[in-house]
């Protein structure tokens, strides 16, 4: 098991951010930079297990370069399909990664909705 570290890390000034703690105790953060409704940069951060890192990396890989509308189809099932050796007792890692990612998307959408309302 190895995860791609290309997407691992934190950002200082993202368009949106999320933090989520899973029932297993692992924590996941997502940072998104969104330009013209597309995710131009994405990072995730966790000190969780290797499978949590792997699921975070796969979620980021699937989202990078896609529009907000396109990323709404990313699911824990897709992550599991793309990581066929994910053990059954670590399926929750895919759910944590996707849930944290969606929370960052929601953060962005709420900010842009608020900005549009305030104009």
PDB file of N, CA and C in Angstrom:
ATOM      1  N   UNK A   1       0.847  -1.180   0.000  1.00  0.00           N
ATOM      2  CA  UNK A   1       0.000   0.000   0.000  1.00  0.00           C
ATOM      3  C   UNK A   1       0.886   1.235   0.000  1.00  0.00           C
ATOM      4  N   UNK A   2       0.682   2.099  -0.985  1.00  0.00           N
ATOM      5  CA  UNK A   2       1.398   3.373  -0.998  1.00  0.00           C
ATOM      6  C   UNK A   2       0.449   4.437  -1.514  1.00  0.00           C
ATOM      7  N   UNK A   3       0.532   5.610  -0.919  1.00  0.00           N
ATOM      8  CA  UNK A   3      -0.314   6.703  -1.386  1.00  0.00           C
ATOM      9  C   UNK A   3       0.555   7.704  -2.135  1.00  0.00           C
ATOM     10  N   UNK A   4      -0.070   8.408  -3.035  1.00  0.00           N
ATOM     11  CA  UNK A   4       0.602   9.432  -3.802  1.00  0.00           C
ATOM     12  C   UNK A   4       0.674  10.688  -2.939  1.00  0.00           C
ATOM     13  N   UNK A   5       1.858  11.169  -2.655  1.00  0.00           N
ATOM     14  CA  UNK A   5       2.012  12.336  -1.789  1.00  0.00           C
ATOM     15  C   UNK A   5       1.821  13.656  -2.523  1.00  0.00           C
ATOM     16  N   UNK A   6       1.509  13.612  -3.816  1.00  0.00           N
ATOM     17  CA  UNK A   6       1.316  14.835  -4.604  1.00  0.00           C
ATOM     18  C   UNK A   6       0.249  15.738  -3.990  1.00  0.00           C
ATOM     19  N   UNK A   7      -0.770  15.152  -3.395  1.00  0.00           N
ATOM     20  CA  UNK A   7      -1.893  15.918  -2.861  1.00  0.00           C
ATOM     21  C   UNK A   7      -1.858  16.064  -1.342  1.00  0.00           C
ATOM     22  N   UNK A   8      -0.840  15.531  -0.704  1.00  0.00           N
ATOM     23  CA  UNK A   8      -0.766  15.548   0.762  1.00  0.00           C
ATOM     24  C   UNK A   8      -0.171  16.863   1.248  1.00  0.00           C
ATOM     25  N   UNK A   9      -0.824  17.491   2.209  1.00  0.00           N
ATOM     26  CA  UNK A   9      -0.296  18.714   2.804  1.00  0.00           C
ATOM     27  C   UNK A   9      -1.415  19.676   3.144  1.00  0.00           C
ATOM     28  N   UNK A  10      -1.010  20.861   3.536  1.00  0.00           N
ATOM     29  CA  UNK A  10      -1.958  21.912   3.906  1.00  0.00           C
ATOM     30  C   UNK A  10      -1.728  23.124   3.014  1.00  0.00           C
ATOM     31  N   UNK A  11      -2.700  24.036   2.996  1.00  0.00           N
ATOM     32  CA  UNK A  11      -2.605  25.284   2.232  1.00  0.00           C
ATOM     33  C   UNK A  11      -2.840  26.457   3.166  1.00  0.00           C
ATOM     34  N   UNK A  12      -2.195  27.568   2.851  1.00  0.00           N
ATOM     35  CA  UNK A  12      -2.365  28.766   3.661  1.00  0.00           C
ATOM     36  C   UNK A  12      -3.606  29.581   3.300  1.00  0.00           C
ATOM     37  N   UNK A  13      -3.987  29.632   2.028  1.00  0.00           N
ATOM     38  CA  UNK A  13      -5.088  30.498   1.620  1.00  0.00           C
ATOM     39  C   UNK A  13      -5.999  29.811   0.601  1.00  0.00           C
ATOM     40  N   UNK A  14      -6.666  28.726   1.007  1.00  0.00           N
ATOM     41  CA  UNK A  14      -7.531  28.016   0.055  1.00  0.00           C
ATOM     42  C   UNK A  14      -8.857  28.757  -0.151  1.00  0.00           C
ATOM     43  N   UNK A  15      -9.554  28.399  -1.205  1.00  0.00           N
ATOM     44  CA  UNK A  15     -10.910  28.926  -1.432  1.00  0.00           C
ATOM     45  C   UNK A  15     -11.869  28.356  -0.398  1.00  0.00           C
ATOM     46  N   UNK A  16     -11.605  27.103   0.004  1.00  0.00           N
ATOM     47  CA  UNK A  16     -12.440  26.473   1.022  1.00  0.00           C
ATOM     48  C   UNK A  16     -11.627  25.425   1.769  1.00  0.00           C
ATOM     49  N   UNK A  17     -12.151  25.045   2.923  1.00  0.00           N
ATOM     50  CA  UNK A  17     -11.444  24.147   3.835  1.00  0.00           C
ATOM     51  C   UNK A  17     -12.472  23.308   4.583  1.00  0.00           C
ATOM     52  N   UNK A  18     -12.056  22.114   4.989  1.00  0.00           N
ATOM     53  CA  UNK A  18     -12.905  21.307   5.870  1.00  0.00           C
ATOM     54  C   UNK A  18     -12.049  20.500   6.827  1.00  0.00           C
ATOM     55  N   UNK A  19     -12.666  20.130   7.913  1.00  0.00           N
ATOM     56  CA  UNK A  19     -12.070  19.246   8.913  1.00  0.00           C
ATOM     57  C   UNK A  19     -13.162  18.302   9.366  1.00  0.00           C
ATOM     58  N   UNK A  20     -12.831  17.029   9.436  1.00  0.00           N
ATOM     59  CA  UNK A  20     -13.807  16.038   9.883  1.00  0.00           C
ATOM     60  C   UNK A  20     -13.087  14.946  10.657  1.00  0.00           C
ATOM     61  N   UNK A  21     -13.689  14.535  11.757  1.00  0.00           N
ATOM     62  CA  UNK A  21     -13.150  13.431  12.541  1.00  0.00           C
ATOM     63  C   UNK A  21     -14.066  12.233  12.375  1.00  0.00           C
ATOM     64  N   UNK A  22     -13.494  11.108  11.970  1.00  0.00           N
ATOM     65  CA  UNK A  22     -14.275   9.907  11.747  1.00  0.00           C
ATOM     66  C   UNK A  22     -14.521   9.140  13.031  1.00  0.00           C
ATOM     67  N   UNK A  23     -15.431   8.173  12.996  1.00  0.00           N
ATOM     68  CA  UNK A  23     -15.751   7.380  14.184  1.00  0.00           C
ATOM     69  C   UNK A  23     -14.565   6.556  14.675  1.00  0.00           C
ATOM     70  N   UNK A  24     -13.579   6.311  13.789  1.00  0.00           N
ATOM     71  CA  UNK A  24     -12.398   5.541  14.181  1.00  0.00           C
ATOM     72  C   UNK A  24     -11.370   6.410  14.906  1.00  0.00           C
ATOM     73  N   UNK A  25     -11.600   7.728  14.893  1.00  0.00           N
ATOM     74  CA  UNK A  25     -10.667   8.658  15.526  1.00  0.00           C
ATOM     75  C   UNK A  25      -9.746   9.350  14.535  1.00  0.00           C
ATOM     76  N   UNK A  26      -9.670   8.845  13.300  1.00  0.00           N
ATOM     77  CA  UNK A  26      -8.866   9.514  12.273  1.00  0.00           C
ATOM     78  C   UNK A  26      -9.506  10.847  11.925  1.00  0.00           C
ATOM     79  N   UNK A  27      -8.648  11.811  11.613  1.00  0.00           N
ATOM     80  CA  UNK A  27      -9.107  13.133  11.211  1.00  0.00           C
ATOM     81  C   UNK A  27      -8.657  13.390   9.786  1.00  0.00           C
ATOM     82  N   UNK A  28      -9.475  14.129   9.032  1.00  0.00           N
ATOM     83  CA  UNK A  28      -9.172  14.431   7.636  1.00  0.00           C
ATOM     84  C   UNK A  28      -9.463  15.907   7.389  1.00  0.00           C
ATOM     85  N   UNK A  29      -8.552  16.556   6.677  1.00  0.00           N
ATOM     86  CA  UNK A  29      -8.736  17.936   6.263  1.00  0.00           C
ATOM     87  C   UNK A  29      -8.655  17.977   4.738  1.00  0.00           C
ATOM     88  N   UNK A  30      -9.442  18.835   4.123  1.00  0.00           N
ATOM     89  CA  UNK A  30      -9.345  19.090   2.691  1.00  0.00           C
ATOM     90  C   UNK A  30      -9.240  20.583   2.453  1.00  0.00           C
ATOM     91  N   UNK A  31      -8.395  20.959   1.510  1.00  0.00           N
ATOM     92  CA  UNK A  31      -8.176  22.340   1.103  1.00  0.00           C
ATOM     93  C   UNK A  31      -8.404  22.411  -0.404  1.00  0.00           C
ATOM     94  N   UNK A  32      -9.257  23.336  -0.833  1.00  0.00           N
ATOM     95  CA  UNK A  32      -9.567  23.474  -2.251  1.00  0.00           C
ATOM     96  C   UNK A  32      -9.254  24.888  -2.729  1.00  0.00           C
ATOM     97  N   UNK A  33      -8.653  24.982  -3.913  1.00  0.00           N
ATOM     98  CA  UNK A  33      -8.536  26.249  -4.614  1.00  0.00           C
ATOM     99  C   UNK A  33      -9.428  26.102  -5.840  1.00  0.00           C
ATOM    100  N   UNK A  34     -10.385  27.009  -5.947  1.00  0.00           N
ATOM    101  CA  UNK A  34     -11.373  26.918  -7.019  1.00  0.00           C
ATOM    102  C   UNK A  34     -11.306  28.186  -7.858  1.00  0.00           C
ATOM    103  N   UNK A  35     -11.045  28.004  -9.147  1.00  0.00           N
ATOM    104  CA  UNK A  35     -10.996  29.092 -10.110  1.00  0.00           C
ATOM    105  C   UNK A  35     -11.972  28.772 -11.233  1.00  0.00           C
ATOM    106  N   UNK A  36     -12.811  29.737 -11.573  1.00  0.00           N
ATOM    107  CA  UNK A  36     -13.788  29.552 -12.646  1.00  0.00           C
ATOM    108  C   UNK A  36     -14.594  28.260 -12.461  1.00  0.00           C
ATOM    109  N   UNK A  37     -15.005  28.022 -11.238  1.00  0.00           N
ATOM    110  CA  UNK A  37     -15.840  26.869 -10.884  1.00  0.00           C
ATOM    111  C   UNK A  37     -15.127  25.519 -11.045  1.00  0.00           C
ATOM    112  N   UNK A  38     -13.804  25.528 -11.175  1.00  0.00           N
ATOM    113  CA  UNK A  38     -13.037  24.275 -11.274  1.00  0.00           C
ATOM    114  C   UNK A  38     -12.028  24.201 -10.140  1.00  0.00           C
ATOM    115  N   UNK A  39     -11.778  22.986  -9.682  1.00  0.00           N
ATOM    116  CA  UNK A  39     -10.793  22.771  -8.627  1.00  0.00           C
ATOM    117  C   UNK A  39      -9.413  22.789  -9.284  1.00  0.00           C
ATOM    118  N   UNK A  40      -8.713  23.910  -9.123  1.00  0.00           N
ATOM    119  CA  UNK A  40      -7.399  24.055  -9.748  1.00  0.00           C
ATOM    120  C   UNK A  40      -6.286  23.485  -8.872  1.00  0.00           C
ATOM    121  N   UNK A  41      -6.537  23.418  -7.563  1.00  0.00           N
ATOM    122  CA  UNK A  41      -5.561  22.814  -6.660  1.00  0.00           C
ATOM    123  C   UNK A  41      -6.318  22.192  -5.497  1.00  0.00           C
ATOM    124  N   UNK A  42      -5.760  21.122  -4.975  1.00  0.00           N
ATOM    125  CA  UNK A  42      -6.414  20.407  -3.877  1.00  0.00           C
ATOM    126  C   UNK A  42      -5.348  19.742  -3.026  1.00  0.00           C
ATOM    127  N   UNK A  43      -5.545  19.790  -1.732  1.00  0.00           N
ATOM    128  CA  UNK A  43      -4.674  19.099  -0.775  1.00  0.00           C
ATOM    129  C   UNK A  43      -5.555  18.455   0.289  1.00  0.00           C
ATOM    130  N   UNK A  44      -5.047  17.374   0.824  1.00  0.00           N
ATOM    131  CA  UNK A  44      -5.698  16.758   1.975  1.00  0.00           C
ATOM    132  C   UNK A  44      -4.615  16.570   3.023  1.00  0.00           C
ATOM    133  N   UNK A  45      -5.043  16.490   4.280  1.00  0.00           N
ATOM    134  CA  UNK A  45      -4.088  16.244   5.360  1.00  0.00           C
ATOM    135  C   UNK A  45      -4.740  15.324   6.376  1.00  0.00           C
ATOM    136  N   UNK A  46      -3.970  14.351   6.816  1.00  0.00           N
ATOM    137  CA  UNK A  46      -4.422  13.462   7.879  1.00  0.00           C
ATOM    138  C   UNK A  46      -3.207  12.890   8.579  1.00  0.00           C
ATOM    139  N   UNK A  47      -3.372  12.573   9.823  1.00  0.00           N
ATOM    140  CA  UNK A  47      -2.371  11.812  10.556  1.00  0.00           C
ATOM    141  C   UNK A  47      -2.923  10.407  10.807  1.00  0.00           C
ATOM    142  N   UNK A  48      -3.942  10.059  10.039  1.00  0.00           N
ATOM    143  CA  UNK A  48      -4.596   8.763  10.169  1.00  0.00           C
ATOM    144  C   UNK A  48      -3.762   7.643   9.572  1.00  0.00           C
ATOM    145  N   UNK A  49      -4.367   6.496   9.520  1.00  0.00           N
ATOM    146  CA  UNK A  49      -3.689   5.290   9.038  1.00  0.00           C
ATOM    147  C   UNK A  49      -3.378   5.397   7.538  1.00  0.00           C
ATOM    148  N   UNK A  50      -2.611   4.459   7.051  1.00  0.00           N
ATOM    149  CA  UNK A  50      -2.230   4.431   5.646  1.00  0.00           C
ATOM    150  C   UNK A  50      -3.423   4.351   4.710  1.00  0.00           C
ATOM    151  N   UNK A  51      -4.462   3.635   5.109  1.00  0.00           N
ATOM    152  CA  UNK A  51      -5.646   3.534   4.264  1.00  0.00           C
ATOM    153  C   UNK A  51      -6.407   4.858   4.209  1.00  0.00           C
ATOM    154  N   UNK A  52      -6.419   5.596   5.307  1.00  0.00           N
ATOM    155  CA  UNK A  52      -7.037   6.922   5.300  1.00  0.00           C
ATOM    156  C   UNK A  52      -6.282   7.828   4.337  1.00  0.00           C
ATOM    157  N   UNK A  53      -4.957   7.767   4.375  1.00  0.00           N
ATOM    158  CA  UNK A  53      -4.143   8.566   3.447  1.00  0.00           C
ATOM    159  C   UNK A  53      -4.402   8.163   2.004  1.00  0.00           C
ATOM    160  N   UNK A  54      -4.470   6.883   1.766  1.00  0.00           N
ATOM    161  CA  UNK A  54      -4.715   6.380   0.414  1.00  0.00           C
ATOM    162  C   UNK A  54      -6.072   6.867  -0.110  1.00  0.00           C
ATOM    163  N   UNK A  55      -7.083   6.828   0.729  1.00  0.00           N
ATOM    164  CA  UNK A  55      -8.410   7.280   0.324  1.00  0.00           C
ATOM    165  C   UNK A  55      -8.448   8.792   0.107  1.00  0.00           C
ATOM    166  N   UNK A  56      -7.731   9.546   0.934  1.00  0.00           N
ATOM    167  CA  UNK A  56      -7.637  10.994   0.732  1.00  0.00           C
ATOM    168  C   UNK A  56      -6.956  11.328  -0.579  1.00  0.00           C
ATOM    169  N   UNK A  57      -5.875  10.617  -0.884  1.00  0.00           N
ATOM    170  CA  UNK A  57      -5.138  10.844  -2.131  1.00  0.00           C
ATOM    171  C   UNK A  57      -5.999  10.514  -3.343  1.00  0.00           C
ATOM    172  N   UNK A  58      -6.754   9.431  -3.270  1.00  0.00           N
ATOM    173  CA  UNK A  58      -7.604   9.038  -4.399  1.00  0.00           C
ATOM    174  C   UNK A  58      -8.740  10.029  -4.592  1.00  0.00           C
ATOM    175  N   UNK A  59      -9.319  10.508  -3.518  1.00  0.00           N
ATOM    176  CA  UNK A  59     -10.373  11.515  -3.614  1.00  0.00           C
ATOM    177  C   UNK A  59      -9.830  12.777  -4.274  1.00  0.00           C
ATOM    178  N   UNK A  60      -8.655  13.212  -3.842  1.00  0.00           N
ATOM    179  CA  UNK A  60      -8.033  14.408  -4.427  1.00  0.00           C
ATOM    180  C   UNK A  60      -7.725  14.198  -5.909  1.00  0.00           C
ATOM    181  N   UNK A  61      -7.212  13.029  -6.248  1.00  0.00           N
ATOM    182  CA  UNK A  61      -6.877  12.734  -7.649  1.00  0.00           C
ATOM    183  C   UNK A  61      -8.116  12.820  -8.532  1.00  0.00           C
ATOM    184  N   UNK A  62      -9.219  12.269  -8.042  1.00  0.00           N
ATOM    185  CA  UNK A  62     -10.454  12.283  -8.812  1.00  0.00           C
ATOM    186  C   UNK A  62     -11.029  13.690  -8.971  1.00  0.00           C
ATOM    187  N   UNK A  63     -10.774  14.567  -8.019  1.00  0.00           N
ATOM    188  CA  UNK A  63     -11.379  15.905  -8.018  1.00  0.00           C
ATOM    189  C   UNK A  63     -10.567  16.958  -8.771  1.00  0.00           C
ATOM    190  N   UNK A  64      -9.268  16.811  -8.806  1.00  0.00           N
ATOM    191  CA  UNK A  64      -8.408  17.857  -9.384  1.00  0.00           C
ATOM    192  C   UNK A  64      -8.766  18.122 -10.842  1.00  0.00           C
ATOM    193  N   UNK A  65      -8.944  19.406 -11.144  1.00  0.00           N
ATOM    194  CA  UNK A  65      -9.218  19.830 -12.510  1.00  0.00           C
ATOM    195  C   UNK A  65     -10.675  19.742 -12.933  1.00  0.00           C
ATOM    196  N   UNK A  66     -11.523  19.234 -12.061  1.00  0.00           N
ATOM    197  CA  UNK A  66     -12.938  19.071 -12.416  1.00  0.00           C
ATOM    198  C   UNK A  66     -13.780  20.217 -11.866  1.00  0.00           C
ATOM    199  N   UNK A  67     -14.931  20.411 -12.485  1.00  0.00           N
ATOM    200  CA  UNK A  67     -15.853  21.450 -12.030  1.00  0.00           C
ATOM    201  C   UNK A  67     -16.565  20.982 -10.761  1.00  0.00           C
ATOM    202  N   UNK A  68     -17.162  21.939 -10.071  1.00  0.00           N
ATOM    203  CA  UNK A  68     -17.920  21.604  -8.865  1.00  0.00           C
ATOM    204  C   UNK A  68     -19.039  20.626  -9.210  1.00  0.00           C
ATOM    205  N   UNK A  69     -19.703  20.825 -10.328  1.00  0.00           N
ATOM    206  CA  UNK A  69     -20.755  19.899 -10.742  1.00  0.00           C
ATOM    207  C   UNK A  69     -20.243  18.499 -10.983  1.00  0.00           C
ATOM    208  N   UNK A  70     -19.066  18.387 -11.586  1.00  0.00           N
ATOM    209  CA  UNK A  70     -18.492  17.066 -11.879  1.00  0.00           C
ATOM    210  C   UNK A  70     -18.088  16.313 -10.615  1.00  0.00           C
ATOM    211  N   UNK A  71     -17.556  17.024  -9.623  1.00  0.00           N
ATOM    212  CA  UNK A  71     -17.063  16.330  -8.424  1.00  0.00           C
ATOM    213  C   UNK A  71     -18.180  15.829  -7.525  1.00  0.00           C
ATOM    214  N   UNK A  72     -19.392  16.286  -7.777  1.00  0.00           N
ATOM    215  CA  UNK A  72     -20.510  15.834  -6.950  1.00  0.00           C
ATOM    216  C   UNK A  72     -20.849  14.368  -7.177  1.00  0.00           C
ATOM    217  N   UNK A  73     -20.234  13.752  -8.176  1.00  0.00           N
ATOM    218  CA  UNK A  73     -20.475  12.327  -8.419  1.00  0.00           C
ATOM    219  C   UNK A  73     -19.433  11.428  -7.751  1.00  0.00           C
ATOM    220  N   UNK A  74     -18.421  12.023  -7.131  1.00  0.00           N
ATOM    221  CA  UNK A  74     -17.410  11.216  -6.430  1.00  0.00           C
ATOM    222  C   UNK A  74     -18.065  10.568  -5.219  1.00  0.00           C
ATOM    223  N   UNK A  75     -17.851   9.263  -5.064  1.00  0.00           N
ATOM    224  CA  UNK A  75     -18.487   8.543  -3.960  1.00  0.00           C
ATOM    225  C   UNK A  75     -17.485   7.630  -3.260  1.00  0.00           C
ATOM    226  N   UNK A  76     -17.844   7.223  -2.062  1.00  0.00           N
ATOM    227  CA  UNK A  76     -17.026   6.255  -1.332  1.00  0.00           C
ATOM    228  C   UNK A  76     -16.936   4.954  -2.120  1.00  0.00           C
ATOM    229  N   UNK A  77     -18.009   4.595  -2.808  1.00  0.00           N
ATOM    230  CA  UNK A  77     -17.997   3.390  -3.638  1.00  0.00           C
ATOM    231  C   UNK A  77     -16.975   3.476  -4.752  1.00  0.00           C
ATOM    232  N   UNK A  78     -16.855   4.647  -5.354  1.00  0.00           N
ATOM    233  CA  UNK A  78     -15.859   4.839  -6.414  1.00  0.00           C
ATOM    234  C   UNK A  78     -14.443   4.732  -5.853  1.00  0.00           C
ATOM    235  N   UNK A  79     -14.230   5.298  -4.675  1.00  0.00           N
ATOM    236  CA  UNK A  79     -12.918   5.206  -4.024  1.00  0.00           C
ATOM    237  C   UNK A  79     -12.593   3.738  -3.758  1.00  0.00           C
ATOM    238  N   UNK A  80     -13.561   3.007  -3.243  1.00  0.00           N
ATOM    239  CA  UNK A  80     -13.358   1.588  -2.943  1.00  0.00           C
ATOM    240  C   UNK A  80     -13.068   0.795  -4.217  1.00  0.00           C
ATOM    241  N   UNK A  81     -13.731   1.120  -5.293  1.00  0.00           N
ATOM    242  CA  UNK A  81     -13.504   0.440  -6.567  1.00  0.00           C
ATOM    243  C   UNK A  81     -12.085   0.711  -7.083  1.00  0.00           C
ATOM    244  N   UNK A  82     -11.616   1.945  -6.876  1.00  0.00           N
ATOM    245  CA  UNK A  82     -10.290   2.333  -7.348  1.00  0.00           C
ATOM    246  C   UNK A  82      -9.164   1.844  -6.437  1.00  0.00           C
ATOM    247  N   UNK A  83      -9.506   1.410  -5.232  1.00  0.00           N
ATOM    248  CA  UNK A  83      -8.526   0.848  -4.287  1.00  0.00           C
ATOM    249  C   UNK A  83      -9.008  -0.562  -3.952  1.00  0.00           C
ATOM    250  N   UNK A  84      -8.831  -1.496  -4.868  1.00  0.00           N
ATOM    251  CA  UNK A  84      -9.418  -2.828  -4.694  1.00  0.00           C
ATOM    252  C   UNK A  84      -8.883  -3.601  -3.487  1.00  0.00           C
ATOM    253  N   UNK A  85      -7.698  -3.240  -2.981  1.00  0.00           N
ATOM    254  CA  UNK A  85      -7.161  -3.966  -1.830  1.00  0.00           C
ATOM    255  C   UNK A  85      -7.527  -3.306  -0.492  1.00  0.00           C
ATOM    256  N   UNK A  86      -8.500  -2.377  -0.515  1.00  0.00           N
ATOM    257  CA  UNK A  86      -8.962  -1.740   0.721  1.00  0.00           C
ATOM    258  C   UNK A  86      -9.697  -2.788   1.562  1.00  0.00           C
ATOM    259  N   UNK A  87      -9.173  -3.104   2.746  1.00  0.00           N
ATOM    260  CA  UNK A  87      -9.816  -4.136   3.579  1.00  0.00           C
ATOM    261  C   UNK A  87     -11.209  -3.707   4.044  1.00  0.00           C
ATOM    262  N   UNK A  88     -12.056  -4.656   4.255  1.00  0.00           N
ATOM    263  CA  UNK A  88     -13.433  -4.388   4.686  1.00  0.00           C
ATOM    264  C   UNK A  88     -13.473  -3.584   5.980  1.00  0.00           C
ATOM    265  N   UNK A  89     -12.511  -3.814   6.871  1.00  0.00           N
ATOM    266  CA  UNK A  89     -12.518  -3.079   8.135  1.00  0.00           C
ATOM    267  C   UNK A  89     -11.950  -1.660   7.995  1.00  0.00           C
ATOM    268  N   UNK A  90     -11.660  -1.236   6.761  1.00  0.00           N
ATOM    269  CA  UNK A  90     -11.193   0.126   6.505  1.00  0.00           C
ATOM    270  C   UNK A  90     -12.056   0.839   5.466  1.00  0.00           C
ATOM    271  N   UNK A  91     -13.233   0.294   5.191  1.00  0.00           N
ATOM    272  CA  UNK A  91     -14.161   0.960   4.270  1.00  0.00           C
ATOM    273  C   UNK A  91     -14.518   2.346   4.792  1.00  0.00           C
ATOM    274  N   UNK A  92     -14.572   2.489   6.108  1.00  0.00           N
ATOM    275  CA  UNK A  92     -14.900   3.791   6.695  1.00  0.00           C
ATOM    276  C   UNK A  92     -13.894   4.871   6.289  1.00  0.00           C
ATOM    277  N   UNK A  93     -12.685   4.485   5.903  1.00  0.00           N
ATOM    278  CA  UNK A  93     -11.679   5.460   5.467  1.00  0.00           C
ATOM    279  C   UNK A  93     -12.126   6.154   4.181  1.00  0.00           C
ATOM    280  N   UNK A  94     -12.738   5.411   3.270  1.00  0.00           N
ATOM    281  CA  UNK A  94     -13.240   6.009   2.033  1.00  0.00           C
ATOM    282  C   UNK A  94     -14.404   6.947   2.328  1.00  0.00           C
ATOM    283  N   UNK A  95     -15.234   6.572   3.275  1.00  0.00           N
ATOM    284  CA  UNK A  95     -16.369   7.424   3.657  1.00  0.00           C
ATOM    285  C   UNK A  95     -15.865   8.705   4.310  1.00  0.00           C
ATOM    286  N   UNK A  96     -14.866   8.607   5.172  1.00  0.00           N
ATOM    287  CA  UNK A  96     -14.286   9.781   5.817  1.00  0.00           C
ATOM    288  C   UNK A  96     -13.695  10.730   4.778  1.00  0.00           C
ATOM    289  N   UNK A  97     -12.940  10.197   3.828  1.00  0.00           N
ATOM    290  CA  UNK A  97     -12.296  11.038   2.813  1.00  0.00           C
ATOM    291  C   UNK A  97     -13.334  11.777   1.971  1.00  0.00           C
ATOM    292  N   UNK A  98     -14.320  11.056   1.481  1.00  0.00           N
ATOM    293  CA  UNK A  98     -15.339  11.676   0.629  1.00  0.00           C
ATOM    294  C   UNK A  98     -16.191  12.660   1.432  1.00  0.00           C
ATOM    295  N   UNK A  99     -16.507  12.320   2.660  1.00  0.00           N
ATOM    296  CA  UNK A  99     -17.311  13.218   3.496  1.00  0.00           C
ATOM    297  C   UNK A  99     -16.564  14.511   3.790  1.00  0.00           C
ATOM    298  N   UNK A 100     -15.282  14.411   4.112  1.00  0.00           N
ATOM    299  CA  UNK A 100     -14.479  15.615   4.364  1.00  0.00           C
ATOM    300  C   UNK A 100     -14.369  16.447   3.089  1.00  0.00           C
ATOM    301  N   UNK A 101     -14.199  15.787   1.951  1.00  0.00           N
ATOM    302  CA  UNK A 101     -14.122  16.493   0.677  1.00  0.00           C
ATOM    303  C   UNK A 101     -15.428  17.249   0.408  1.00  0.00           C
ATOM    304  N   UNK A 102     -16.567  16.574   0.580  1.00  0.00           N
ATOM    305  CA  UNK A 102     -17.854  17.228   0.351  1.00  0.00           C
ATOM    306  C   UNK A 102     -18.080  18.389   1.311  1.00  0.00           C
ATOM    307  N   UNK A 103     -17.567  18.278   2.504  1.00  0.00           N
ATOM    308  CA  UNK A 103     -17.685  19.376   3.465  1.00  0.00           C
ATOM    309  C   UNK A 103     -16.915  20.599   2.957  1.00  0.00           C
ATOM    310  N   UNK A 104     -15.759  20.390   2.325  1.00  0.00           N
ATOM    311  CA  UNK A 104     -14.994  21.499   1.738  1.00  0.00           C
ATOM    312  C   UNK A 104     -15.741  22.099   0.550  1.00  0.00           C
ATOM    313  N   UNK A 105     -16.364  21.254  -0.259  1.00  0.00           N
ATOM    314  CA  UNK A 105     -17.182  21.746  -1.381  1.00  0.00           C
ATOM    315  C   UNK A 105     -18.338  22.583  -0.839  1.00  0.00           C
ATOM    316  N   UNK A 106     -18.998  22.101   0.197  1.00  0.00           N
ATOM    317  CA  UNK A 106     -20.110  22.835   0.810  1.00  0.00           C
ATOM    318  C   UNK A 106     -19.633  24.176   1.361  1.00  0.00           C
ATOM    319  N   UNK A 107     -18.453  24.193   1.967  1.00  0.00           N
ATOM    320  CA  UNK A 107     -17.873  25.440   2.480  1.00  0.00           C
ATOM    321  C   UNK A 107     -17.736  26.449   1.350  1.00  0.00           C
ATOM    322  N   UNK A 108     -17.241  26.000   0.209  1.00  0.00           N
ATOM    323  CA  UNK A 108     -17.093  26.882  -0.955  1.00  0.00           C
ATOM    324  C   UNK A 108     -18.451  27.375  -1.442  1.00  0.00           C
ATOM    325  N   UNK A 109     -19.391  26.461  -1.584  1.00  0.00           N
ATOM    326  CA  UNK A 109     -20.712  26.836  -2.085  1.00  0.00           C
ATOM    327  C   UNK A 109     -21.414  27.809  -1.142  1.00  0.00           C
ATOM    328  N   UNK A 110     -21.276  27.616   0.148  1.00  0.00           N
ATOM    329  CA  UNK A 110     -21.889  28.529   1.116  1.00  0.00           C
ATOM    330  C   UNK A 110     -21.244  29.906   1.049  1.00  0.00           C
ATOM    331  N   UNK A 111     -19.919  29.951   0.856  1.00  0.00           N
ATOM    332  CA  UNK A 111     -19.228  31.243   0.731  1.00  0.00           C
ATOM    333  C   UNK A 111     -19.667  31.972  -0.523  1.00  0.00           C
ATOM    334  N   UNK A 112     -19.759  31.265  -1.642  1.00  0.00           N
ATOM    335  CA  UNK A 112     -20.141  31.922  -2.893  1.00  0.00           C
ATOM    336  C   UNK A 112     -21.609  32.316  -2.861  1.00  0.00           C
ATOM    337  N   UNK A 113     -22.451  31.527  -2.225  1.00  0.00           N
ATOM    338  CA  UNK A 113     -23.865  31.864  -2.074  1.00  0.00           C
ATOM    339  C   UNK A 113     -24.003  33.122  -1.229  1.00  0.00           C
ATOM    340  N   UNK A 114     -23.253  33.181  -0.133  1.00  0.00           N
ATOM    341  CA  UNK A 114     -23.290  34.348   0.751  1.00  0.00           C
ATOM    342  C   UNK A 114     -22.781  35.576   0.013  1.00  0.00           C
ATOM    343  N   UNK A 115     -21.705  35.426  -0.752  1.00  0.00           N
ATOM    344  CA  UNK A 115     -21.146  36.538  -1.500  1.00  0.00           C
ATOM    345  C   UNK A 115     -22.164  37.045  -2.520  1.00  0.00           C
ATOM    346  N   UNK A 116     -22.842  36.136  -3.209  1.00  0.00           N
ATOM    347  CA  UNK A 116     -23.832  36.527  -4.206  1.00  0.00           C
ATOM    348  C   UNK A 116     -25.009  37.262  -3.549  1.00  0.00           C
ATOM    349  N   UNK A 117     -25.408  36.818  -2.371  1.00  0.00           N
ATOM    350  CA  UNK A 117     -26.528  37.439  -1.660  1.00  0.00           C
ATOM    351  C   UNK A 117     -26.146  38.847  -1.172  1.00  0.00           C
ATOM    352  N   UNK A 118     -24.880  39.004  -0.753  1.00  0.00           N
ATOM    353  CA  UNK A 118     -24.423  40.274  -0.181  1.00  0.00           C
ATOM    354  C   UNK A 118     -24.178  41.354  -1.245  1.00  0.00           C
ATOM    355  N   UNK A 119     -24.163  40.989  -2.504  1.00  0.00           N
ATOM    356  CA  UNK A 119     -23.896  41.990  -3.554  1.00  0.00           C
ATOM    357  C   UNK A 119     -25.100  42.834  -3.841  1.00  0.00           C
TER     358      UNK A 119
END
